[in-house]
Amino acid sequence: MNESTVVTRLADFAEQARRKGVGAELRADAARRVLDVLGNSLAAQHTPAAAAVGALIGEWGGAPRATALGTAGRFPEASAALLGGTLAHALDFDDTHLPSILHPSASVVPAALAVAEAVGARGAALLDAVAAGIEVTVRIGMAGYDERLGNSVFFERGLHATAICGTLGAATAAAMLYGLPADGIAHALGIAASMGSGLLEANRTGGTVKRVHCGWAAHAGVSAAGLARHGLTGPPTVIEGRFGLLQAFCGEQARVAVILDRLGEEWELPGVFFKPYPCNHFTHAGIDAALRLRAAGVTEDAVARLILGTPTPALRTIGEPLTAKRRPESGYHAAFSGPYTVAAALLGGGGLGVFHADFTDAAARDPRRIALAAKVECVSDARCDAVFPHQFPAVLSAELHDGRILTERVEVNRGGPGNPLSAHELTTKFRLNLESAGTTAPADDISEIVYALADLDDLAKLLAVIRPPE
């Protein structure tokens, strides 16, 4: 590709990141993303989605080139990435970029880990690829954010931008680690653009397919880079062209220019939010508000009614249909319920506020939680609409039997630049993830290795402690 297009500029950016490195600060941020993905993935290894994908890649077989997280097996890197991305996203505990509403690390990190192991890459190269892959994912996602609409066009159309844009980010990271030149990275991106897909209907009405979206994005990204390595080519205008990705998915509302705006000068990576709670990010501010009410002494018996105000777009995911959200059919669907998550937090959840035990099928059927969730009404809130989607705010009012009305408004999400999780909280999240999975892997040892990734000659030391014995 000789002409200057979006993919050639992104490819030049990625090649520069590989040749020069992204710098110590961005590498440290990328290491935190790796740690977060590993913890989320190991906690998810016993989920039905992981079992389904694990069974599938076992049937596929192939050369043992990369570790499939949560197993003692090694597989072709695309297969390992499929399982890794599924695990990373399966518990809805993965990081989020706003206002694009993307979960970038869940596709990029598993793809990068698989290829890095397959090619014997150094830790620094892994972190550079993770950083660049996440940046590409987010910037393409931002091209689908419509300021006038106040939301992602992908999201408004029922498209899962994480799976679509994450495929290109995964391809970027994989192509960098394969050592492809800028031209090859551009072709990998051009190929990957034909592979990204994902629909959000499961958020509304059920089904577990969404758990595989990031796995498929990681798998497709690695596959695209592999195909480029073997000579397949992609169209140079695959992003901005008449029949390109943005026109196909976002139409005239796409903003192509933001992809390249100050690319390589100002990074989106440090602003990506870490999740404190393993549930849909739209529910988090409501959880924080419920925790504040609990700290103020509000009890379930004192509550006559709870009114949860959210941004209008979020309401469609966590508040509608209200009957189903008040009585979720499973623990997984409880993670997408505003009424249930408010009830769980007000009753007192685990971890940093609510945790995995609050989203089991048994917990979703708990009579106390269901009774309290039945008292929750979900409404649109104008102030929340004004902030969304730069934050996912909420306001929670508790009308008590004694006539008092107590209100908590949360406009800055926990885990982002304005209210970050501390290093201790991130490490605690990782440790609790491992404990919830029942793994005997040494959490402190893994944390130390990940934070020192930039100095590792290869990934063998890390893989030795996260791979279960055969």
Protein backbone atom coordinates (compact mmCIF):
# COMPACT_ATOMS: atom_id res chain seq x y z
CA MET A 1 0.00 0.00 0.00
CA ASN A 2 1.63 3.22 -1.15
CA GLU A 3 -1.17 5.78 -0.84
CA SER A 4 -1.85 7.60 2.43
CA THR A 5 -5.10 6.28 3.89
CA VAL A 6 -6.38 5.65 7.40
CA VAL A 7 -5.00 2.10 7.54
CA THR A 8 -1.60 3.12 6.19
CA ARG A 9 -1.37 5.87 8.82
CA LEU A 10 -2.41 3.45 11.56
CA ALA A 11 0.12 0.93 10.26
CA ASP A 12 2.89 3.56 10.31
CA PHE A 13 1.92 4.40 13.88
CA ALA A 14 2.10 0.72 14.87
CA GLU A 15 5.45 0.19 13.18
CA GLN A 16 6.86 3.24 14.98
CA ALA A 17 5.58 1.86 18.28
CA ARG A 18 7.31 -1.44 17.58
CA ARG A 19 10.61 0.07 16.43
CA LYS A 20 10.95 2.80 19.04
CA GLY A 21 8.81 1.46 21.88
CA VAL A 22 5.94 3.36 23.45
CA GLY A 23 7.84 4.56 26.51
CA ALA A 24 7.97 3.48 30.14
CA GLU A 25 4.73 5.13 31.26
CA LEU A 26 2.59 3.60 28.53
CA ARG A 27 4.28 0.22 28.99
CA ALA A 28 3.42 0.37 32.70
CA ASP A 29 -0.20 1.11 31.79
CA ALA A 30 -0.21 -1.78 29.31
CA ALA A 31 1.13 -4.08 32.04
CA ARG A 32 -1.81 -3.14 34.26
CA ARG A 33 -4.13 -4.08 31.37
CA VAL A 34 -2.40 -7.48 31.07
CA LEU A 35 -2.78 -8.10 34.81
CA ASP A 36 -6.44 -7.11 34.73
CA VAL A 37 -7.17 -9.39 31.75
CA LEU A 38 -5.34 -12.33 33.34
CA GLY A 39 -7.33 -11.99 36.57
CA ASN A 40 -10.65 -11.65 34.79
CA SER A 41 -9.81 -14.60 32.54
CA LEU A 42 -8.72 -16.98 35.26
CA ALA A 43 -11.88 -16.15 37.22
CA ALA A 44 -13.98 -17.04 34.15
CA GLN A 45 -12.39 -20.39 33.37
CA HIS A 46 -15.34 -22.41 34.73
CA THR A 47 -18.06 -20.51 32.85
CA PRO A 48 -20.21 -22.35 30.28
CA ALA A 49 -18.88 -20.12 27.50
CA ALA A 50 -15.31 -21.10 28.36
CA ALA A 51 -16.29 -24.77 28.36
CA ALA A 52 -17.92 -24.43 24.94
CA VAL A 53 -14.95 -22.65 23.38
CA GLY A 54 -12.48 -24.97 25.08
CA ALA A 55 -14.30 -27.99 23.68
CA LEU A 56 -14.31 -26.45 20.21
CA ILE A 57 -10.60 -25.63 20.05
CA GLY A 58 -9.90 -29.09 21.46
CA GLU A 59 -11.77 -30.56 18.51
CA TRP A 60 -9.86 -28.31 16.11
CA GLY A 61 -6.47 -29.32 17.51
CA GLY A 62 -3.39 -28.05 15.71
CA ALA A 63 0.20 -27.11 16.47
CA PRO A 64 0.86 -26.43 20.20
CA ARG A 65 2.20 -22.89 19.85
CA ALA A 66 0.39 -20.85 22.52
CA THR A 67 -1.14 -21.33 25.96
CA ALA A 68 -4.92 -21.44 26.19
CA LEU A 69 -5.59 -19.61 29.45
CA GLY A 70 -7.22 -21.70 32.14
CA THR A 71 -6.05 -24.96 30.59
CA ALA A 72 -2.86 -26.99 30.57
CA GLY A 73 -3.07 -27.22 26.78
CA ARG A 74 -1.30 -25.35 24.02
CA PHE A 75 -2.89 -24.62 20.66
CA PRO A 76 -2.40 -22.59 17.50
CA GLU A 77 -2.30 -18.94 18.46
CA ALA A 78 -5.66 -18.10 16.85
CA SER A 79 -7.35 -20.85 18.88
CA ALA A 80 -5.64 -19.72 22.09
CA ALA A 81 -6.78 -16.17 21.37
CA LEU A 82 -10.37 -17.36 20.86
CA LEU A 83 -10.46 -18.91 24.32
CA GLY A 84 -8.47 -16.06 25.90
CA GLY A 85 -10.76 -13.35 24.56
CA THR A 86 -13.84 -15.29 25.60
CA LEU A 87 -12.51 -15.61 29.13
CA ALA A 88 -11.49 -11.95 29.26
CA HIS A 89 -15.02 -10.74 28.47
CA ALA A 90 -17.11 -13.55 29.96
CA LEU A 91 -17.68 -11.96 33.38
CA ASP A 92 -18.16 -8.37 32.17
CA PHE A 93 -15.22 -7.33 34.32
CA ASP A 94 -13.09 -5.96 31.47
CA ASP A 95 -11.95 -2.36 31.09
CA THR A 96 -14.02 0.28 29.26
CA HIS A 97 -13.22 3.34 27.17
CA LEU A 98 -15.59 6.30 27.20
CA PRO A 99 -17.30 7.78 25.29
CA SER A 100 -16.78 5.07 22.65
CA ILE A 101 -18.25 2.43 25.02
CA LEU A 102 -15.56 -0.12 24.13
CA HIS A 103 -13.85 -2.89 26.09
CA PRO A 104 -10.52 -2.76 24.25
CA SER A 105 -8.20 -4.94 26.33
CA ALA A 106 -10.39 -8.05 26.21
CA SER A 107 -9.63 -8.62 22.52
CA VAL A 108 -6.18 -7.09 22.20
CA VAL A 109 -4.41 -8.62 25.21
CA PRO A 110 -5.37 -12.27 24.51
CA ALA A 111 -4.35 -11.89 20.85
CA ALA A 112 -1.04 -10.32 21.83
CA LEU A 113 -0.31 -12.93 24.51
CA ALA A 114 -0.96 -15.79 22.10
CA VAL A 115 1.22 -14.45 19.29
CA ALA A 116 3.96 -13.27 21.66
CA GLU A 117 4.27 -16.77 23.06
CA ALA A 118 4.17 -18.36 19.60
CA VAL A 119 7.02 -16.20 18.27
CA GLY A 120 9.03 -16.01 21.50
CA ALA A 121 8.67 -12.24 21.88
CA ARG A 122 10.19 -10.22 24.70
CA GLY A 123 7.97 -8.68 27.35
CA ALA A 124 8.63 -5.15 26.09
CA ALA A 125 7.44 -6.10 22.60
CA LEU A 126 4.25 -7.56 24.10
CA LEU A 127 3.52 -4.34 25.99
CA ASP A 128 4.20 -2.16 22.94
CA ALA A 129 1.80 -4.30 20.89
CA VAL A 130 -0.87 -4.17 23.60
CA ALA A 131 -0.58 -0.39 23.87
CA ALA A 132 -0.78 0.17 20.11
CA GLY A 133 -3.56 -2.37 19.62
CA ILE A 134 -5.73 -0.77 22.30
CA GLU A 135 -5.08 2.67 20.83
CA VAL A 136 -6.18 1.53 17.36
CA THR A 137 -9.30 -0.13 18.82
CA VAL A 138 -10.36 2.98 20.70
CA ARG A 139 -9.67 5.43 17.88
CA ILE A 140 -11.74 3.47 15.39
CA GLY A 141 -14.48 3.23 18.02
CA MET A 142 -14.36 6.98 18.55
CA ALA A 143 -15.02 7.47 14.84
CA GLY A 144 -18.45 6.01 15.56
CA TYR A 145 -19.23 8.39 18.43
CA ASP A 146 -21.75 11.07 17.45
CA GLU A 147 -21.55 14.14 19.69
CA ARG A 148 -24.98 15.40 18.61
CA LEU A 149 -26.52 12.03 19.36
CA GLY A 150 -24.55 11.78 22.59
CA ASN A 151 -23.88 8.11 22.00
CA SER A 152 -22.02 5.58 19.90
CA VAL A 153 -23.64 5.06 16.51
CA PHE A 154 -22.54 1.43 16.71
CA PHE A 155 -24.45 1.07 19.97
CA GLU A 156 -27.54 2.88 18.71
CA ARG A 157 -27.69 0.46 15.79
CA GLY A 158 -27.38 -2.58 18.04
CA LEU A 159 -23.78 -3.28 16.99
CA HIS A 160 -21.13 -4.38 19.47
CA ALA A 161 -18.33 -1.92 18.72
CA THR A 162 -16.01 -3.83 21.06
CA ALA A 163 -16.11 -6.88 18.81
CA ILE A 164 -15.91 -4.89 15.56
CA CYS A 165 -13.15 -2.44 16.50
CA GLY A 166 -11.39 -4.96 18.74
CA THR A 167 -10.76 -7.16 15.72
CA LEU A 168 -8.66 -4.41 14.15
CA GLY A 169 -6.84 -3.72 17.41
CA ALA A 170 -6.07 -7.42 17.82
CA ALA A 171 -4.82 -7.56 14.23
CA THR A 172 -2.55 -4.58 14.90
CA ALA A 173 -1.00 -6.19 17.97
CA ALA A 174 -0.62 -9.58 16.26
CA ALA A 175 0.93 -8.08 13.12
CA MET A 176 3.44 -6.12 15.21
CA LEU A 177 4.48 -9.25 17.09
CA TYR A 178 4.75 -11.25 13.87
CA GLY A 179 7.24 -8.61 12.74
CA LEU A 180 5.27 -7.44 9.71
CA PRO A 181 6.43 -4.17 8.14
CA ALA A 182 4.08 -1.21 7.93
CA ASP A 183 2.71 -2.45 4.61
CA GLY A 184 1.94 -5.85 6.15
CA ILE A 185 0.29 -4.27 9.20
CA ALA A 186 -1.90 -2.23 6.86
CA HIS A 187 -2.96 -5.38 5.02
CA ALA A 188 -3.71 -7.09 8.35
CA LEU A 189 -5.98 -4.19 9.24
CA GLY A 190 -7.60 -4.30 5.82
CA ILE A 191 -8.32 -8.00 6.20
CA ALA A 192 -9.52 -7.68 9.80
CA ALA A 193 -12.08 -5.06 8.83
CA SER A 194 -13.99 -7.77 6.94
CA MET A 195 -14.02 -10.02 9.99
CA GLY A 196 -15.29 -7.91 12.90
CA SER A 197 -18.89 -8.43 13.94
CA GLY A 198 -21.19 -8.51 16.95
CA LEU A 199 -24.80 -7.75 17.88
CA LEU A 200 -26.08 -6.51 21.24
CA GLU A 201 -29.51 -8.14 21.37
CA ALA A 202 -28.30 -10.65 23.96
CA ASN A 203 -27.93 -7.74 26.42
CA ARG A 204 -31.65 -7.14 26.16
CA THR A 205 -33.32 -10.51 25.89
CA GLY A 206 -30.83 -13.24 26.76
CA GLY A 207 -28.37 -15.68 25.28
CA THR A 208 -24.70 -16.12 26.15
CA VAL A 209 -23.18 -15.45 22.73
CA LYS A 210 -21.91 -12.00 23.78
CA ARG A 211 -19.36 -13.71 26.01
CA VAL A 212 -17.63 -15.00 22.88
CA HIS A 213 -17.53 -11.65 21.06
CA CYS A 214 -14.08 -10.62 22.29
CA GLY A 215 -12.78 -14.13 21.77
CA TRP A 216 -13.89 -14.06 18.17
CA ALA A 217 -12.36 -10.59 17.73
CA ALA A 218 -9.03 -11.85 19.11
CA HIS A 219 -9.24 -14.98 16.94
CA ALA A 220 -10.11 -12.97 13.83
CA GLY A 221 -7.37 -10.41 14.49
CA VAL A 222 -4.70 -13.10 14.82
CA SER A 223 -6.07 -14.82 11.72
CA ALA A 224 -6.01 -11.56 9.75
CA ALA A 225 -2.39 -10.92 10.69
CA GLY A 226 -1.51 -14.49 9.78
CA LEU A 227 -3.19 -14.17 6.39
CA ALA A 228 -1.32 -10.91 5.74
CA ARG A 229 1.90 -12.68 6.68
CA HIS A 230 1.14 -15.26 4.00
CA GLY A 231 0.39 -12.70 1.30
CA LEU A 232 -3.34 -11.93 1.48
CA THR A 233 -4.08 -8.25 0.99
CA GLY A 234 -6.72 -5.79 2.14
CA PRO A 235 -8.20 -2.66 0.52
CA PRO A 236 -6.29 0.56 1.31
CA THR A 237 -9.50 2.54 1.93
CA VAL A 238 -11.17 -0.12 4.08
CA ILE A 239 -11.93 2.36 6.88
CA GLU A 240 -13.09 5.49 5.06
CA GLY A 241 -14.13 4.12 1.65
CA ARG A 242 -17.60 4.10 0.11
CA PHE A 243 -17.99 0.45 1.05
CA GLY A 244 -15.60 0.61 4.00
CA LEU A 245 -16.10 -0.20 7.64
CA LEU A 246 -17.35 3.16 8.88
CA GLN A 247 -19.79 3.75 6.05
CA ALA A 248 -21.16 0.22 6.45
CA PHE A 249 -21.59 0.38 10.22
CA CYS A 250 -22.11 4.09 10.96
CA GLY A 251 -23.09 5.73 7.68
CA GLU A 252 -22.89 9.51 7.43
CA GLN A 253 -22.57 9.85 11.20
CA ALA A 254 -19.01 8.49 11.17
CA ARG A 255 -16.16 10.86 12.08
CA VAL A 256 -13.11 9.59 10.20
CA ALA A 257 -10.84 12.49 11.20
CA VAL A 258 -10.76 11.59 14.91
CA ILE A 259 -8.94 8.33 14.17
CA LEU A 260 -5.79 10.17 13.13
CA ASP A 261 -6.12 13.32 15.24
CA ARG A 262 -2.80 13.69 17.16
CA LEU A 263 -2.15 9.97 16.66
CA GLY A 264 1.00 9.02 18.52
CA GLU A 265 1.07 12.36 20.34
CA GLU A 266 -1.96 12.06 22.63
CA TRP A 267 -2.86 8.55 23.76
CA GLU A 268 -6.32 7.34 24.72
CA LEU A 269 -4.88 4.30 26.54
CA PRO A 270 -4.35 5.92 29.99
CA GLY A 271 -7.99 7.06 30.08
CA VAL A 272 -9.48 3.59 29.73
CA PHE A 273 -11.53 2.73 32.84
CA PHE A 274 -10.78 -0.32 34.98
CA LYS A 275 -13.95 -1.97 36.25
CA PRO A 276 -14.40 -2.40 40.02
CA TYR A 277 -17.50 -4.59 39.60
CA PRO A 278 -18.06 -7.67 37.36
CA CYS A 279 -21.20 -6.44 35.63
CA ASN A 280 -22.35 -4.18 32.84
CA HIS A 281 -20.67 -0.80 33.17
CA PHE A 282 -24.00 1.05 32.95
CA THR A 283 -24.88 -0.43 36.36
CA HIS A 284 -21.78 0.80 38.19
CA ALA A 285 -22.87 4.29 39.24
CA GLY A 286 -26.13 2.84 40.57
CA ILE A 287 -24.09 0.36 42.61
CA ASP A 288 -21.95 3.18 44.00
CA ALA A 289 -25.08 5.14 44.91
CA ALA A 290 -26.58 2.10 46.65
CA LEU A 291 -23.34 1.55 48.57
CA ARG A 292 -23.49 5.15 49.76
CA LEU A 293 -27.10 4.71 50.92
CA ARG A 294 -26.10 1.53 52.75
CA ALA A 295 -23.22 3.40 54.43
CA ALA A 296 -25.74 6.06 55.47
CA GLY A 297 -27.75 3.39 57.28
CA VAL A 298 -30.49 2.60 54.74
CA THR A 299 -31.73 -0.97 55.15
CA GLU A 300 -34.00 -3.12 53.00
CA ASP A 301 -36.80 -3.04 55.58
CA ALA A 302 -36.77 0.76 55.63
CA VAL A 303 -37.23 1.08 51.86
CA ALA A 304 -40.67 1.63 50.36
CA ARG A 305 -39.44 2.44 46.85
CA LEU A 306 -36.17 3.00 44.99
CA ILE A 307 -35.95 5.18 41.87
CA LEU A 308 -32.89 4.64 39.69
CA GLY A 309 -32.24 7.42 37.19
CA THR A 310 -29.84 6.71 34.33
CA PRO A 311 -28.95 8.09 30.91
CA THR A 312 -31.63 7.23 28.36
CA PRO A 313 -29.38 4.94 26.25
CA ALA A 314 -28.28 3.02 29.35
CA LEU A 315 -31.90 2.51 30.39
CA ARG A 316 -32.47 0.35 27.32
CA THR A 317 -29.82 -2.09 28.50
CA ILE A 318 -30.23 -2.17 32.29
CA GLY A 319 -33.85 -1.07 32.81
CA GLU A 320 -35.89 -2.55 29.99
CA PRO A 321 -37.95 -4.63 29.92
CA LEU A 322 -38.49 -3.78 33.58
CA THR A 323 -40.21 -7.03 34.54
CA ALA A 324 -37.27 -9.07 33.27
CA LYS A 325 -34.72 -6.74 34.87
CA ARG A 326 -36.42 -7.01 38.27
CA ARG A 327 -36.31 -10.82 38.05
CA PRO A 328 -33.29 -11.79 35.90
CA GLU A 329 -33.38 -15.32 34.51
CA SER A 330 -29.77 -16.08 35.46
CA GLY A 331 -26.71 -14.68 37.16
CA TYR A 332 -25.38 -13.54 33.82
CA HIS A 333 -28.53 -11.56 33.04
CA ALA A 334 -28.43 -10.12 36.57
CA ALA A 335 -25.19 -8.42 35.56
CA PHE A 336 -27.20 -6.36 33.05
CA SER A 337 -29.95 -5.39 35.49
CA GLY A 338 -30.16 -2.00 37.20
CA PRO A 339 -32.75 -3.18 39.77
CA TYR A 340 -30.83 -6.31 40.68
CA THR A 341 -27.41 -4.65 41.01
CA VAL A 342 -28.85 -1.86 43.17
CA ALA A 343 -30.47 -4.48 45.40
CA ALA A 344 -27.27 -6.54 45.65
CA ALA A 345 -25.20 -3.50 46.61
CA LEU A 346 -27.72 -2.21 49.14
CA LEU A 347 -27.86 -5.63 50.80
CA GLY A 348 -24.07 -5.82 50.86
CA GLY A 349 -22.07 -7.47 48.11
CA GLY A 350 -18.54 -8.85 47.98
CA GLY A 351 -15.20 -7.69 46.60
CA LEU A 352 -14.90 -3.95 46.07
CA GLY A 353 -18.69 -3.56 46.38
CA VAL A 354 -20.26 -6.44 44.46
CA PHE A 355 -18.38 -9.45 43.17
CA HIS A 356 -18.72 -12.76 41.34
CA ALA A 357 -20.73 -14.44 44.10
CA ASP A 358 -23.41 -11.79 43.56
CA PHE A 359 -23.90 -12.96 39.97
CA THR A 360 -24.43 -16.67 40.29
CA ASP A 361 -27.72 -18.21 39.22
CA ALA A 362 -28.47 -18.92 42.89
CA ALA A 363 -27.84 -15.29 43.87
CA ALA A 364 -30.12 -14.11 41.06
CA ARG A 365 -32.92 -16.21 42.57
CA ASP A 366 -32.33 -15.07 46.15
CA PRO A 367 -35.72 -14.00 47.57
CA ARG A 368 -34.30 -10.99 49.45
CA ARG A 369 -32.64 -9.60 46.35
CA ILE A 370 -35.67 -10.24 44.17
CA ALA A 371 -37.97 -8.59 46.71
CA LEU A 372 -35.76 -5.51 46.93
CA ALA A 373 -35.25 -5.37 43.15
CA ALA A 374 -39.05 -5.35 42.77
CA LYS A 375 -39.06 -2.00 44.58
CA VAL A 376 -36.73 -0.41 41.99
CA GLU A 377 -38.16 1.77 39.24
CA CYS A 378 -35.91 2.81 36.36
CA VAL A 379 -36.26 6.23 34.73
CA SER A 380 -34.35 8.51 32.39
CA ASP A 381 -32.57 11.40 34.06
CA ALA A 382 -31.79 14.65 32.24
CA ARG A 383 -28.60 15.40 34.19
CA CYS A 384 -27.35 11.89 33.46
CA ASP A 385 -28.12 12.40 29.76
CA ALA A 386 -25.99 15.55 29.79
CA VAL A 387 -22.95 13.67 31.15
CA PHE A 388 -23.34 10.45 29.15
CA PRO A 389 -21.33 8.85 27.54
CA HIS A 390 -18.24 10.61 28.89
CA GLN A 391 -19.30 9.00 32.17
CA PHE A 392 -22.03 6.46 32.94
CA PRO A 393 -23.77 8.38 35.76
CA ALA A 394 -26.77 7.50 37.90
CA VAL A 395 -28.99 8.97 40.59
CA LEU A 396 -30.66 6.77 43.18
CA SER A 397 -33.47 7.96 45.44
CA ALA A 398 -34.72 5.89 48.36
CA GLU A 399 -38.24 6.63 49.56
CA LEU A 400 -38.41 5.28 53.11
CA HIS A 401 -41.40 4.09 55.09
CA ASP A 402 -40.87 6.91 57.61
CA GLY A 403 -41.46 9.49 54.86
CA ARG A 404 -37.84 10.50 54.27
CA ILE A 405 -36.34 10.58 50.77
CA LEU A 406 -32.59 10.09 50.53
CA THR A 407 -30.82 10.69 47.21
CA GLU A 408 -27.32 9.87 46.00
CA ARG A 409 -26.05 11.13 42.65
CA VAL A 410 -22.88 9.63 41.10
CA GLU A 411 -21.53 11.47 38.06
CA VAL A 412 -17.91 10.22 37.96
CA ASN A 413 -17.42 6.49 37.60
CA ARG A 414 -15.07 4.64 39.87
CA GLY A 415 -12.05 3.22 38.02
CA GLY A 416 -11.50 6.07 35.55
CA PRO A 417 -9.14 9.07 35.49
CA GLY A 418 -11.46 11.16 37.68
CA ASN A 419 -11.85 8.43 40.32
CA PRO A 420 -9.15 5.83 39.69
CA LEU A 421 -8.67 2.50 41.36
CA SER A 422 -5.50 2.54 43.41
CA ALA A 423 -2.65 0.10 42.78
CA HIS A 424 -3.78 -1.71 45.92
CA GLU A 425 -7.37 -1.96 44.65
CA LEU A 426 -6.20 -3.31 41.27
CA THR A 427 -4.03 -5.90 42.99
CA THR A 428 -6.92 -6.76 45.34
CA LYS A 429 -9.23 -7.23 42.36
CA PHE A 430 -6.67 -9.58 40.79
CA ARG A 431 -6.21 -11.57 44.01
CA LEU A 432 -9.96 -11.89 44.57
CA ASN A 433 -10.41 -13.03 40.97
CA LEU A 434 -7.94 -15.85 41.54
CA GLU A 435 -9.55 -16.78 44.84
CA SER A 436 -13.00 -16.89 43.27
CA ALA A 437 -11.68 -19.27 40.63
CA GLY A 438 -10.25 -21.60 43.27
CA THR A 439 -6.84 -21.44 41.62
CA THR A 440 -3.68 -22.08 43.60
CA ALA A 441 -1.65 -19.74 41.40
CA PRO A 442 0.37 -17.29 43.56
CA ALA A 443 -1.32 -13.92 43.02
CA ASP A 444 1.54 -11.84 44.42
CA ASP A 445 4.11 -13.64 42.26
CA ILE A 446 2.03 -13.15 39.11
CA SER A 447 1.48 -9.47 39.89
CA GLU A 448 5.22 -8.90 40.34
CA ILE A 449 6.03 -10.70 37.08
CA VAL A 450 3.44 -8.72 35.10
CA TYR A 451 4.61 -5.40 36.48
CA ALA A 452 8.16 -6.38 35.43
CA LEU A 453 7.11 -7.56 31.94
CA ALA A 454 9.11 -4.87 30.16
CA ASP A 455 12.31 -6.47 31.44
CA LEU A 456 11.44 -10.10 30.63
CA ASP A 457 13.39 -11.70 27.78
CA ASP A 458 10.42 -13.97 27.07
CA LEU A 459 7.07 -14.89 28.59
CA ALA A 460 8.04 -18.32 29.88
CA LYS A 461 8.26 -17.16 33.49
CA LEU A 462 4.76 -15.66 33.40
CA LEU A 463 3.22 -18.61 31.54
CA ALA A 464 4.75 -21.07 34.00
CA VAL A 465 2.79 -19.59 36.91
CA ILE A 466 -0.57 -19.12 35.17
CA ARG A 467 -0.70 -22.47 33.38
CA PRO A 468 -2.24 -25.24 35.51
CA PRO A 469 -0.27 -28.50 35.80
CA GLU A 470 -0.97 -31.13 33.16
